[in-house]
Amino acid sequence: GLSGAIYFREGRVIAAEFRPASGEEKADR
């Protein structure tokens, strides 16, 4: 029911996205 991704550059978290099957998508922090 969900998926997400955290993006890294030089070991630092630079962006993220989270998609639950129901509910609002979330980004970054």
PDB file of all heavy atoms in Angstrom:
ATOM      1  N   GLY A   1       0.770  -1.238   0.000  1.00  0.00           N
ATOM      2  CA  GLY A   1       0.000   0.000   0.000  1.00  0.00           C
ATOM      3  C   GLY A   1       0.797   1.281   0.000  1.00  0.00           C
ATOM      4  O   GLY A   1       0.207   2.352   0.092  1.00  0.00           O
ATOM      5  N   LEU A   2       2.125   1.211  -0.123  1.00  0.00           N
ATOM      6  CA  LEU A   2       2.880   2.459  -0.135  1.00  0.00           C
ATOM      7  C   LEU A   2       4.225   2.279  -0.818  1.00  0.00           C
ATOM      8  O   LEU A   2       4.712   1.169  -0.982  1.00  0.00           O
ATOM      9  CB  LEU A   2       3.093   2.987   1.282  1.00  0.00           C
ATOM     10  CG  LEU A   2       3.847   2.084   2.252  1.00  0.00           C
ATOM     11  CD1 LEU A   2       5.331   2.341   2.184  1.00  0.00           C
ATOM     12  CD2 LEU A   2       3.331   2.332   3.644  1.00  0.00           C
ATOM     13  N   SER A   3       4.785   3.405  -1.216  1.00  0.00           N
ATOM     14  CA  SER A   3       6.139   3.396  -1.768  1.00  0.00           C
ATOM     15  C   SER A   3       6.770   4.744  -1.476  1.00  0.00           C
ATOM     16  O   SER A   3       6.087   5.734  -1.232  1.00  0.00           O
ATOM     17  CB  SER A   3       6.124   3.136  -3.281  1.00  0.00           C
ATOM     18  OG  SER A   3       5.477   4.201  -3.952  1.00  0.00           O
ATOM     19  N   GLY A   4       8.082   4.760  -1.497  1.00  0.00           N
ATOM     20  CA  GLY A   4       8.786   6.006  -1.241  1.00  0.00           C
ATOM     21  C   GLY A   4      10.203   5.931  -1.767  1.00  0.00           C
ATOM     22  O   GLY A   4      10.702   4.862  -2.120  1.00  0.00           O
ATOM     23  N   ALA A   5      10.840   7.089  -1.811  1.00  0.00           N
ATOM     24  CA  ALA A   5      12.225   7.179  -2.267  1.00  0.00           C
ATOM     25  C   ALA A   5      12.923   8.310  -1.530  1.00  0.00           C
ATOM     26  O   ALA A   5      12.329   9.365  -1.296  1.00  0.00           O
ATOM     27  CB  ALA A   5      12.295   7.420  -3.762  1.00  0.00           C
ATOM     28  N   ILE A   6      14.163   8.057  -1.148  1.00  0.00           N
ATOM     29  CA  ILE A   6      15.020   9.089  -0.578  1.00  0.00           C
ATOM     30  C   ILE A   6      16.209   9.216  -1.525  1.00  0.00           C
ATOM     31  O   ILE A   6      16.839   8.218  -1.879  1.00  0.00           O
ATOM     32  CB  ILE A   6      15.500   8.733   0.841  1.00  0.00           C
ATOM     33  CG1 ILE A   6      14.312   8.529   1.782  1.00  0.00           C
ATOM     34  CG2 ILE A   6      16.432   9.821   1.376  1.00  0.00           C
ATOM     35  CD1 ILE A   6      14.692   8.054   3.179  1.00  0.00           C
ATOM     36  N   TYR A   7      16.529  10.449  -1.927  1.00  0.00           N
ATOM     37  CA  TYR A   7      17.600  10.703  -2.885  1.00  0.00           C
ATOM     38  C   TYR A   7      18.841  11.225  -2.147  1.00  0.00           C
ATOM     39  O   TYR A   7      18.727  12.086  -1.270  1.00  0.00           O
ATOM     40  CB  TYR A   7      17.150  11.727  -3.925  1.00  0.00           C
ATOM     41  CG  TYR A   7      15.970  11.248  -4.730  1.00  0.00           C
ATOM     42  CD1 TYR A   7      14.666  11.458  -4.289  1.00  0.00           C
ATOM     43  CD2 TYR A   7      16.165  10.565  -5.923  1.00  0.00           C
ATOM     44  CE1 TYR A   7      13.574  10.998  -5.018  1.00  0.00           C
ATOM     45  CE2 TYR A   7      15.080  10.105  -6.662  1.00  0.00           C
ATOM     46  CZ  TYR A   7      13.790  10.324  -6.201  1.00  0.00           C
ATOM     47  OH  TYR A   7      12.719   9.862  -6.922  1.00  0.00           O
ATOM     48  N   PHE A   8      20.004  10.694  -2.539  1.00  0.00           N
ATOM     49  CA  PHE A   8      21.262  11.051  -1.894  1.00  0.00           C
ATOM     50  C   PHE A   8      22.235  11.639  -2.908  1.00  0.00           C
ATOM     51  O   PHE A   8      22.302  11.191  -4.051  1.00  0.00           O
ATOM     52  CB  PHE A   8      21.929   9.804  -1.299  1.00  0.00           C
ATOM     53  CG  PHE A   8      21.184   9.211  -0.151  1.00  0.00           C
ATOM     54  CD1 PHE A   8      20.120   8.340  -0.366  1.00  0.00           C
ATOM     55  CD2 PHE A   8      21.542   9.507   1.149  1.00  0.00           C
ATOM     56  CE1 PHE A   8      19.428   7.781   0.696  1.00  0.00           C
ATOM     57  CE2 PHE A   8      20.856   8.959   2.218  1.00  0.00           C
ATOM     58  CZ  PHE A   8      19.794   8.093   1.991  1.00  0.00           C
ATOM     59  N   ARG A   9      22.984  12.624  -2.451  1.00  0.00           N
ATOM     60  CA  ARG A   9      24.121  13.138  -3.219  1.00  0.00           C
ATOM     61  C   ARG A   9      25.266  13.330  -2.238  1.00  0.00           C
ATOM     62  O   ARG A   9      25.112  14.043  -1.247  1.00  0.00           O
ATOM     63  CB  ARG A   9      23.784  14.456  -3.916  1.00  0.00           C
ATOM     64  CG  ARG A   9      24.925  14.940  -4.803  1.00  0.00           C
ATOM     65  CD  ARG A   9      24.562  16.136  -5.659  1.00  0.00           C
ATOM     66  NE  ARG A   9      23.558  15.744  -6.639  1.00  0.00           N
ATOM     67  CZ  ARG A   9      22.586  16.558  -7.057  1.00  0.00           C
ATOM     68  NH1 ARG A   9      22.476  17.773  -6.579  1.00  0.00           N
ATOM     69  NH2 ARG A   9      21.709  16.132  -7.955  1.00  0.00           N
ATOM     70  N   GLU A  10      26.388  12.649  -2.503  1.00  0.00           N
ATOM     71  CA  GLU A  10      27.552  12.701  -1.612  1.00  0.00           C
ATOM     72  C   GLU A  10      27.169  12.335  -0.176  1.00  0.00           C
ATOM     73  O   GLU A  10      27.681  12.917   0.775  1.00  0.00           O
ATOM     74  CB  GLU A  10      28.195  14.091  -1.650  1.00  0.00           C
ATOM     75  CG  GLU A  10      28.798  14.461  -2.978  1.00  0.00           C
ATOM     76  CD  GLU A  10      30.031  13.630  -3.299  1.00  0.00           C
ATOM     77  OE1 GLU A  10      30.883  13.460  -2.417  1.00  0.00           O
ATOM     78  OE2 GLU A  10      30.130  13.154  -4.439  1.00  0.00           O
ATOM     79  N   GLY A  11      26.219  11.406  -0.048  1.00  0.00           N
ATOM     80  CA  GLY A  11      25.811  10.939   1.264  1.00  0.00           C
ATOM     81  C   GLY A  11      24.769  11.785   1.965  1.00  0.00           C
ATOM     82  O   GLY A  11      24.245  11.405   3.002  1.00  0.00           O
ATOM     83  N   ARG A  12      24.441  12.937   1.414  1.00  0.00           N
ATOM     84  CA  ARG A  12      23.443  13.816   2.029  1.00  0.00           C
ATOM     85  C   ARG A  12      22.076  13.548   1.421  1.00  0.00           C
ATOM     86  O   ARG A  12      21.944  13.351   0.215  1.00  0.00           O
ATOM     87  CB  ARG A  12      23.793  15.286   1.820  1.00  0.00           C
ATOM     88  CG  ARG A  12      25.002  15.712   2.635  1.00  0.00           C
ATOM     89  CD  ARG A  12      25.176  17.205   2.634  1.00  0.00           C
ATOM     90  NE  ARG A  12      24.022  17.910   3.167  1.00  0.00           N
ATOM     91  CZ  ARG A  12      23.889  18.302   4.432  1.00  0.00           C
ATOM     92  NH1 ARG A  12      24.830  18.037   5.294  1.00  0.00           N
ATOM     93  NH2 ARG A  12      22.824  18.957   4.813  1.00  0.00           N
ATOM     94  N   VAL A  13      21.052  13.587   2.256  1.00  0.00           N
ATOM     95  CA  VAL A  13      19.679  13.475   1.768  1.00  0.00           C
ATOM     96  C   VAL A  13      19.338  14.803   1.115  1.00  0.00           C
ATOM     97  O   VAL A  13      19.431  15.859   1.748  1.00  0.00           O
ATOM     98  CB  VAL A  13      18.708  13.176   2.932  1.00  0.00           C
ATOM     99  CG1 VAL A  13      17.274  13.208   2.441  1.00  0.00           C
ATOM    100  CG2 VAL A  13      19.040  11.836   3.576  1.00  0.00           C
ATOM    101  N   ILE A  14      18.962  14.749  -0.170  1.00  0.00           N
ATOM    102  CA  ILE A  14      18.666  15.998  -0.887  1.00  0.00           C
ATOM    103  C   ILE A  14      17.191  16.138  -1.248  1.00  0.00           C
ATOM    104  O   ILE A  14      16.730  17.243  -1.531  1.00  0.00           O
ATOM    105  CB  ILE A  14      19.524  16.148  -2.159  1.00  0.00           C
ATOM    106  CG1 ILE A  14      19.263  14.999  -3.140  1.00  0.00           C
ATOM    107  CG2 ILE A  14      20.999  16.256  -1.791  1.00  0.00           C
ATOM    108  CD1 ILE A  14      19.830  15.239  -4.529  1.00  0.00           C
ATOM    109  N   ALA A  15      16.447  15.022  -1.240  1.00  0.00           N
ATOM    110  CA  ALA A  15      15.027  15.074  -1.573  1.00  0.00           C
ATOM    111  C   ALA A  15      14.397  13.739  -1.203  1.00  0.00           C
ATOM    112  O   ALA A  15      15.101  12.746  -1.001  1.00  0.00           O
ATOM    113  CB  ALA A  15      14.816  15.340  -3.070  1.00  0.00           C
ATOM    114  N   ALA A  16      13.078  13.736  -1.099  1.00  0.00           N
ATOM    115  CA  ALA A  16      12.368  12.494  -0.795  1.00  0.00           C
ATOM    116  C   ALA A  16      10.922  12.612  -1.227  1.00  0.00           C
ATOM    117  O   ALA A  16      10.384  13.726  -1.356  1.00  0.00           O
ATOM    118  CB  ALA A  16      12.445  12.177   0.698  1.00  0.00           C
ATOM    119  N   GLU A  17      10.300  11.463  -1.435  1.00  0.00           N
ATOM    120  CA  GLU A  17       8.871  11.424  -1.759  1.00  0.00           C
ATOM    121  C   GLU A  17       8.270  10.159  -1.161  1.00  0.00           C
ATOM    122  O   GLU A  17       8.940   9.131  -1.068  1.00  0.00           O
ATOM    123  CB  GLU A  17       8.652  11.483  -3.267  1.00  0.00           C
ATOM    124  CG  GLU A  17       9.501  10.535  -4.048  1.00  0.00           C
ATOM    125  CD  GLU A  17       9.675  10.926  -5.499  1.00  0.00           C
ATOM    126  OE1 GLU A  17       9.768  12.116  -5.816  1.00  0.00           O
ATOM    127  OE2 GLU A  17       9.729   9.990  -6.312  1.00  0.00           O
ATOM    128  N   PHE A  18       7.024  10.269  -0.729  1.00  0.00           N
ATOM    129  CA  PHE A  18       6.332   9.166  -0.069  1.00  0.00           C
ATOM    130  C   PHE A  18       4.908   9.125  -0.605  1.00  0.00           C
ATOM    131  O   PHE A  18       4.220  10.146  -0.615  1.00  0.00           O
ATOM    132  CB  PHE A  18       6.335   9.399   1.443  1.00  0.00           C
ATOM    133  CG  PHE A  18       5.661   8.305   2.224  1.00  0.00           C
ATOM    134  CD1 PHE A  18       6.273   7.076   2.403  1.00  0.00           C
ATOM    135  CD2 PHE A  18       4.413   8.514   2.791  1.00  0.00           C
ATOM    136  CE1 PHE A  18       5.660   6.070   3.144  1.00  0.00           C
ATOM    137  CE2 PHE A  18       3.794   7.520   3.528  1.00  0.00           C
ATOM    138  CZ  PHE A  18       4.418   6.296   3.699  1.00  0.00           C
ATOM    139  N   ARG A  19       4.487   7.930  -1.069  1.00  0.00           N
ATOM    140  CA  ARG A  19       3.156   7.771  -1.658  1.00  0.00           C
ATOM    141  C   ARG A  19       2.388   6.650  -0.971  1.00  0.00           C
ATOM    142  O   ARG A  19       2.576   5.492  -1.307  1.00  0.00           O
ATOM    143  CB  ARG A  19       3.286   7.430  -3.140  1.00  0.00           C
ATOM    144  CG  ARG A  19       3.862   8.517  -3.967  1.00  0.00           C
ATOM    145  CD  ARG A  19       3.909   8.089  -5.443  1.00  0.00           C
ATOM    146  NE  ARG A  19       4.780   8.965  -6.176  1.00  0.00           N
ATOM    147  CZ  ARG A  19       6.066   8.750  -6.366  1.00  0.00           C
ATOM    148  NH1 ARG A  19       6.638   7.670  -5.910  1.00  0.00           N
ATOM    149  NH2 ARG A  19       6.806   9.605  -7.036  1.00  0.00           N
ATOM    150  N   PRO A  20       1.519   6.998  -0.024  1.00  0.00           N
ATOM    151  CA  PRO A  20       0.644   5.962   0.535  1.00  0.00           C
ATOM    152  C   PRO A  20      -0.488   5.676  -0.437  1.00  0.00           C
ATOM    153  O   PRO A  20      -0.841   6.530  -1.258  1.00  0.00           O
ATOM    154  CB  PRO A  20       0.124   6.598   1.828  1.00  0.00           C
ATOM    155  CG  PRO A  20       0.252   8.071   1.611  1.00  0.00           C
ATOM    156  CD  PRO A  20       1.378   8.281   0.631  1.00  0.00           C
ATOM    157  N   ALA A  21      -1.029   4.465  -0.391  1.00  0.00           N
ATOM    158  CA  ALA A  21      -2.126   4.106  -1.302  1.00  0.00           C
ATOM    159  C   ALA A  21      -3.328   5.014  -1.074  1.00  0.00           C
ATOM    160  O   ALA A  21      -4.013   5.399  -2.006  1.00  0.00           O
ATOM    161  CB  ALA A  21      -2.516   2.646  -1.110  1.00  0.00           C
ATOM    162  N   SER A  22      -3.584   5.327   0.177  1.00  0.00           N
ATOM    163  CA  SER A  22      -4.668   6.262   0.480  1.00  0.00           C
ATOM    164  C   SER A  22      -4.058   7.407   1.269  1.00  0.00           C
ATOM    165  O   SER A  22      -3.174   7.214   2.093  1.00  0.00           O
ATOM    166  CB  SER A  22      -5.747   5.574   1.311  1.00  0.00           C
ATOM    167  OG  SER A  22      -5.190   5.085   2.507  1.00  0.00           O
ATOM    168  N   GLY A  23      -4.501   8.579   0.984  1.00  0.00           N
ATOM    169  CA  GLY A  23      -3.954   9.728   1.687  1.00  0.00           C
ATOM    170  C   GLY A  23      -3.118  10.587   0.778  1.00  0.00           C
ATOM    171  O   GLY A  23      -2.946  10.318  -0.407  1.00  0.00           O
ATOM    172  N   GLU A  24      -2.580  11.618   1.360  1.00  0.00           N
ATOM    173  CA  GLU A  24      -1.864  12.633   0.610  1.00  0.00           C
ATOM    174  C   GLU A  24      -0.387  12.279   0.452  1.00  0.00           C
ATOM    175  O   GLU A  24       0.258  11.822   1.393  1.00  0.00           O
ATOM    176  CB  GLU A  24      -1.991  13.954   1.381  1.00  0.00           C
ATOM    177  CG  GLU A  24      -1.432  15.140   0.655  1.00  0.00           C
ATOM    178  CD  GLU A  24      -1.682  16.428   1.442  1.00  0.00           C
ATOM    179  OE1 GLU A  24      -2.750  16.549   2.050  1.00  0.00           O
ATOM    180  OE2 GLU A  24      -0.771  17.266   1.436  1.00  0.00           O
ATOM    181  N   GLU A  25       0.142  12.513  -0.746  1.00  0.00           N
ATOM    182  CA  GLU A  25       1.569  12.313  -0.971  1.00  0.00           C
ATOM    183  C   GLU A  25       2.349  13.299  -0.121  1.00  0.00           C
ATOM    184  O   GLU A  25       1.891  14.406   0.137  1.00  0.00           O
ATOM    185  CB  GLU A  25       1.911  12.567  -2.448  1.00  0.00           C
ATOM    186  CG  GLU A  25       1.511  11.443  -3.362  1.00  0.00           C
ATOM    187  CD  GLU A  25       2.037  11.647  -4.775  1.00  0.00           C
ATOM    188  OE1 GLU A  25       3.047  12.353  -4.956  1.00  0.00           O
ATOM    189  OE2 GLU A  25       1.428  11.097  -5.689  1.00  0.00           O
ATOM    190  N   LYS A  26       3.528  12.876   0.305  1.00  0.00           N
ATOM    191  CA  LYS A  26       4.379  13.741   1.109  1.00  0.00           C
ATOM    192  C   LYS A  26       5.716  13.879   0.413  1.00  0.00           C
ATOM    193  O   LYS A  26       6.130  12.996  -0.330  1.00  0.00           O
ATOM    194  CB  LYS A  26       4.553  13.173   2.507  1.00  0.00           C
ATOM    195  CG  LYS A  26       3.221  13.092   3.234  1.00  0.00           C
ATOM    196  CD  LYS A  26       3.357  12.594   4.628  1.00  0.00           C
ATOM    197  CE  LYS A  26       1.955  12.539   5.236  1.00  0.00           C
ATOM    198  NZ  LYS A  26       1.976  12.166   6.613  1.00  0.00           N
ATOM    199  N   ALA A  27       6.380  14.998   0.683  1.00  0.00           N
ATOM    200  CA  ALA A  27       7.676  15.234   0.046  1.00  0.00           C
ATOM    201  C   ALA A  27       8.697  15.694   1.077  1.00  0.00           C
ATOM    202  O   ALA A  27       8.346  16.194   2.146  1.00  0.00           O
ATOM    203  CB  ALA A  27       7.541  16.286  -1.060  1.00  0.00           C
ATOM    204  N   ASP A  28       9.940  15.467   0.734  1.00  0.00           N
ATOM    205  CA  ASP A  28      11.103  15.942   1.454  1.00  0.00           C
ATOM    206  C   ASP A  28      11.072  15.588   2.943  1.00  0.00           C
ATOM    207  O   ASP A  28      11.008  14.415   3.264  1.00  0.00           O
ATOM    208  CB  ASP A  28      11.299  17.432   1.175  1.00  0.00           C
ATOM    209  CG  ASP A  28      11.463  17.665  -0.337  1.00  0.00           C
ATOM    210  OD1 ASP A  28      12.002  16.766  -1.007  1.00  0.00           O
ATOM    211  OD2 ASP A  28      11.016  18.697  -0.847  1.00  0.00           O
ATOM    212  N   ARG A  29      11.136  16.552   3.851  1.00  0.00           N
ATOM    213  CA  ARG A  29      11.282  16.240   5.284  1.00  0.00           C
ATOM    214  C   ARG A  29      10.167  15.325   5.775  1.00  0.00           C
ATOM    215  O   ARG A  29      10.418  14.350   6.483  1.00  0.00           O
ATOM    216  CB  ARG A  29      11.297  17.530   6.083  1.00  0.00           C
ATOM    217  CG  ARG A  29      11.589  17.321   7.551  1.00  0.00           C
ATOM    218  CD  ARG A  29      11.703  18.671   8.240  1.00  0.00           C
ATOM    219  NE  ARG A  29      12.440  18.554   9.473  1.00  0.00           N
ATOM    220  CZ  ARG A  29      11.962  18.966  10.635  1.00  0.00           C
ATOM    221  NH1 ARG A  29      10.760  19.493  10.711  1.00  0.00           N
ATOM    222  NH2 ARG A  29      12.688  18.849  11.719  1.00  0.00           N
TER     223      ARG A  29
END
